[in-house]
Amino acid sequence: MRGKPEAFAGLDAFVAERGDALLATAILLAGGRDAGQDLLQAAIERLMRRWNRIDGDPEGYVRRILYHLAVDTWRRRSRRPEVLTSLDARTVPDVTATLDLRDALIRALALLPPKQRAVLVLRYWEHLTEAEAADRLGCSIGTVKSTTSRGLARLRELTADWAVDDRTTNGARA
């Protein structure tokens, strides 16, 4: 770190305390553990540049950076991402069905447009209110509502055949 150590007072404690939660969000936004770690690192680098000027909640600031960096990355891609890989088994209890479902949901989430994906992560993974999500994304509450609605509708379309496949598979076993 360049600069005086006192310039970053409290940063180590903040990262130690909230790092795991921030990494979990970054993994979801980036589509994999390695990409999530890179995304979080970039966000923390930006946080360090403004550490002394942050009034209030540094976690909210970092989360907003994460969402904006993720959306910027998605926008730069010229084609659909192929990045959402299997989840690390350490993040989910050792139950194959749960892991398979979670992996399938994350893959379906990857098929959504960037803004829908970011809104759904904020609303349902981070459990933010519509107002909090709007604040983090820098948009109106109405935009969050409509984007959430469209994102959920698209997820329903993408996962509609899961119930049919599950009934067929279970029926074949019975």
Protein backbone atom coordinates (compact mmCIF):
# COMPACT_ATOMS: atom_id res chain seq x y z
CA MET A 1 0.00 0.00 0.00
CA ARG A 2 1.24 3.43 -0.87
CA GLY A 3 0.57 6.19 1.55
CA LYS A 4 0.57 6.38 5.30
CA PRO A 5 -0.72 3.36 7.25
CA GLU A 6 -3.16 5.57 9.17
CA ALA A 7 -4.75 6.50 5.83
CA PHE A 8 -6.22 2.99 5.74
CA ALA A 9 -7.14 2.65 9.42
CA GLY A 10 -10.03 0.23 9.78
CA LEU A 11 -9.82 -1.13 6.23
CA ASP A 12 -8.23 -4.44 7.31
CA ALA A 13 -10.89 -4.96 9.97
CA PHE A 14 -13.68 -4.16 7.51
CA VAL A 15 -12.37 -6.62 4.91
CA ALA A 16 -11.79 -9.31 7.55
CA GLU A 17 -15.31 -8.89 8.94
CA ARG A 18 -17.31 -8.52 5.70
CA GLY A 19 -15.02 -10.14 3.12
CA ASP A 20 -16.80 -13.52 3.00
CA ALA A 21 -20.22 -11.96 2.46
CA LEU A 22 -18.84 -9.64 -0.21
CA LEU A 23 -17.08 -12.57 -1.91
CA ALA A 24 -20.32 -14.57 -2.01
CA THR A 25 -22.04 -11.70 -3.80
CA ALA A 26 -19.10 -11.20 -6.16
CA ILE A 27 -19.12 -14.91 -7.08
CA LEU A 28 -22.80 -14.71 -7.99
CA LEU A 29 -22.34 -11.54 -9.98
CA ALA A 30 -19.23 -12.74 -11.82
CA GLY A 31 -20.32 -16.30 -12.41
CA GLY A 32 -17.58 -18.23 -10.67
CA ARG A 33 -15.18 -18.27 -7.76
CA ASP A 34 -12.09 -17.03 -9.64
CA ALA A 35 -13.97 -14.30 -11.49
CA GLY A 36 -15.71 -13.33 -8.22
CA GLN A 37 -12.37 -12.99 -6.44
CA ASP A 38 -11.11 -10.78 -9.27
CA LEU A 39 -14.27 -8.67 -9.14
CA LEU A 40 -13.98 -8.23 -5.36
CA GLN A 41 -10.31 -7.34 -5.65
CA ALA A 42 -11.12 -4.64 -8.21
CA ALA A 43 -13.86 -3.29 -5.92
CA ILE A 44 -11.54 -3.19 -2.92
CA GLU A 45 -8.92 -1.37 -4.99
CA ARG A 46 -11.51 1.30 -5.78
CA LEU A 47 -12.54 1.38 -2.12
CA MET A 48 -8.93 2.03 -1.10
CA ARG A 49 -8.74 5.08 -3.36
CA ARG A 50 -11.63 6.70 -1.50
CA TRP A 51 -11.30 5.12 1.95
CA ASN A 52 -10.73 8.42 3.79
CA ARG A 53 -13.62 10.13 2.01
CA ILE A 54 -16.34 7.56 2.73
CA ASP A 55 -19.02 8.79 5.09
CA GLY A 56 -21.19 6.09 6.57
CA ASP A 57 -21.38 2.48 5.46
CA PRO A 58 -18.32 1.26 3.53
CA GLU A 59 -20.09 -2.03 2.78
CA GLY A 60 -22.81 -0.27 0.83
CA TYR A 61 -20.13 1.58 -1.11
CA VAL A 62 -18.27 -1.66 -1.95
CA ARG A 63 -21.47 -3.45 -2.94
CA ARG A 64 -22.40 -0.62 -5.27
CA ILE A 65 -18.93 -0.82 -6.83
CA LEU A 66 -19.38 -4.59 -7.25
CA TYR A 67 -22.71 -4.21 -9.04
CA HIS A 68 -21.45 -1.46 -11.31
CA LEU A 69 -18.22 -3.32 -12.17
CA ALA A 70 -20.22 -6.47 -12.93
CA VAL A 71 -22.66 -4.63 -15.20
CA ASP A 72 -19.77 -2.85 -16.94
CA THR A 73 -18.08 -6.19 -17.55
CA TRP A 74 -21.27 -7.69 -18.98
CA ARG A 75 -21.76 -4.70 -21.27
CA ARG A 76 -18.23 -4.99 -22.64
CA ARG A 77 -18.73 -8.56 -23.72
CA SER A 78 -19.64 -8.86 -27.36
CA ARG A 79 -21.45 -12.17 -26.86
CA ARG A 80 -23.32 -14.02 -24.16
CA PRO A 81 -21.10 -15.12 -21.30
CA GLU A 82 -20.22 -18.76 -20.95
CA VAL A 83 -18.66 -18.14 -17.55
CA LEU A 84 -21.01 -19.50 -14.91
CA THR A 85 -19.25 -22.67 -13.92
CA SER A 86 -20.13 -25.27 -11.36
CA LEU A 87 -20.21 -24.03 -7.83
CA ASP A 88 -17.46 -24.86 -5.43
CA ALA A 89 -18.80 -27.75 -3.31
CA ARG A 90 -17.54 -25.98 -0.17
CA THR A 91 -20.25 -23.31 -0.53
CA VAL A 92 -23.19 -25.74 -0.38
CA PRO A 93 -23.94 -28.66 1.94
CA ASP A 94 -22.87 -31.99 0.47
CA VAL A 95 -26.25 -32.83 -1.02
CA THR A 96 -26.12 -33.54 -4.73
CA ALA A 97 -29.68 -32.47 -5.51
CA THR A 98 -29.20 -29.13 -3.76
CA LEU A 99 -25.93 -28.52 -5.56
CA ASP A 100 -27.45 -29.45 -8.92
CA LEU A 101 -30.43 -27.15 -8.37
CA ARG A 102 -28.26 -24.25 -7.26
CA ASP A 103 -25.93 -24.75 -10.22
CA ALA A 104 -28.89 -24.85 -12.63
CA LEU A 105 -30.38 -21.69 -11.12
CA ILE A 106 -27.10 -19.84 -11.45
CA ARG A 107 -26.78 -20.98 -15.06
CA ALA A 108 -30.32 -19.73 -15.73
CA LEU A 109 -29.44 -16.44 -14.04
CA ALA A 110 -26.48 -16.10 -16.43
CA LEU A 111 -28.89 -16.10 -19.38
CA LEU A 112 -30.59 -12.93 -18.17
CA PRO A 113 -29.59 -9.46 -19.37
CA PRO A 114 -27.12 -7.73 -17.02
CA LYS A 115 -29.56 -5.32 -15.38
CA GLN A 116 -32.14 -8.06 -14.68
CA ARG A 117 -29.41 -10.24 -13.23
CA ALA A 118 -28.10 -7.46 -10.98
CA VAL A 119 -31.59 -6.55 -9.74
CA LEU A 120 -32.47 -10.18 -8.94
CA VAL A 121 -29.18 -10.69 -7.08
CA LEU A 122 -29.83 -7.54 -5.04
CA ARG A 123 -33.46 -8.35 -4.29
CA TYR A 124 -33.32 -12.09 -3.66
CA TRP A 125 -29.72 -12.94 -2.79
CA GLU A 126 -28.90 -9.77 -0.85
CA HIS A 127 -32.50 -9.39 0.43
CA LEU A 128 -32.58 -5.66 -0.27
CA THR A 129 -35.79 -3.70 -0.51
CA GLU A 130 -36.78 -2.13 -3.80
CA ALA A 131 -35.65 1.27 -2.51
CA GLU A 132 -32.28 -0.08 -1.36
CA ALA A 133 -31.71 -1.86 -4.69
CA ALA A 134 -32.64 1.32 -6.58
CA ASP A 135 -30.18 3.29 -4.48
CA ARG A 136 -27.37 0.78 -5.07
CA LEU A 137 -27.97 0.72 -8.82
CA GLY A 138 -28.59 4.44 -9.14
CA CYS A 139 -32.03 4.06 -10.72
CA SER A 140 -35.67 4.58 -9.75
CA ILE A 141 -37.77 2.21 -7.65
CA GLY A 142 -40.06 1.79 -10.65
CA THR A 143 -37.12 0.58 -12.72
CA VAL A 144 -36.26 -1.96 -10.03
CA LYS A 145 -39.87 -3.16 -9.91
CA SER A 146 -40.24 -3.55 -13.66
CA THR A 147 -36.80 -5.10 -14.09
CA THR A 148 -37.51 -7.56 -11.27
CA SER A 149 -40.81 -8.51 -12.87
CA ARG A 150 -39.24 -9.07 -16.29
CA GLY A 151 -36.31 -10.97 -14.79
CA LEU A 152 -38.55 -13.31 -12.79
CA ALA A 153 -40.79 -13.89 -15.81
CA ARG A 154 -37.75 -14.80 -17.91
CA LEU A 155 -36.43 -17.13 -15.19
CA ARG A 156 -39.83 -18.84 -15.11
CA GLU A 157 -39.61 -19.35 -18.89
CA LEU A 158 -36.10 -20.73 -18.63
CA THR A 159 -37.00 -23.13 -15.83
CA ALA A 160 -40.53 -24.13 -16.93
CA ASP A 161 -39.49 -27.56 -18.13
CA TRP A 162 -37.69 -28.40 -14.86
CA ALA A 163 -40.90 -29.49 -13.15
CA VAL A 164 -41.82 -31.68 -16.13
CA ASP A 165 -38.34 -33.24 -16.16
CA ASP A 166 -38.46 -33.79 -12.39
CA ARG A 167 -41.88 -35.51 -12.52
CA THR A 168 -40.73 -37.71 -15.40
CA THR A 169 -37.52 -38.66 -13.57
CA ASN A 170 -39.33 -39.33 -10.29
CA GLY A 171 -42.10 -41.24 -12.08
CA ALA A 172 -39.54 -43.47 -13.78
CA ARG A 173 -38.00 -44.34 -10.40
CA ALA A 174 -41.31 -45.16 -8.71
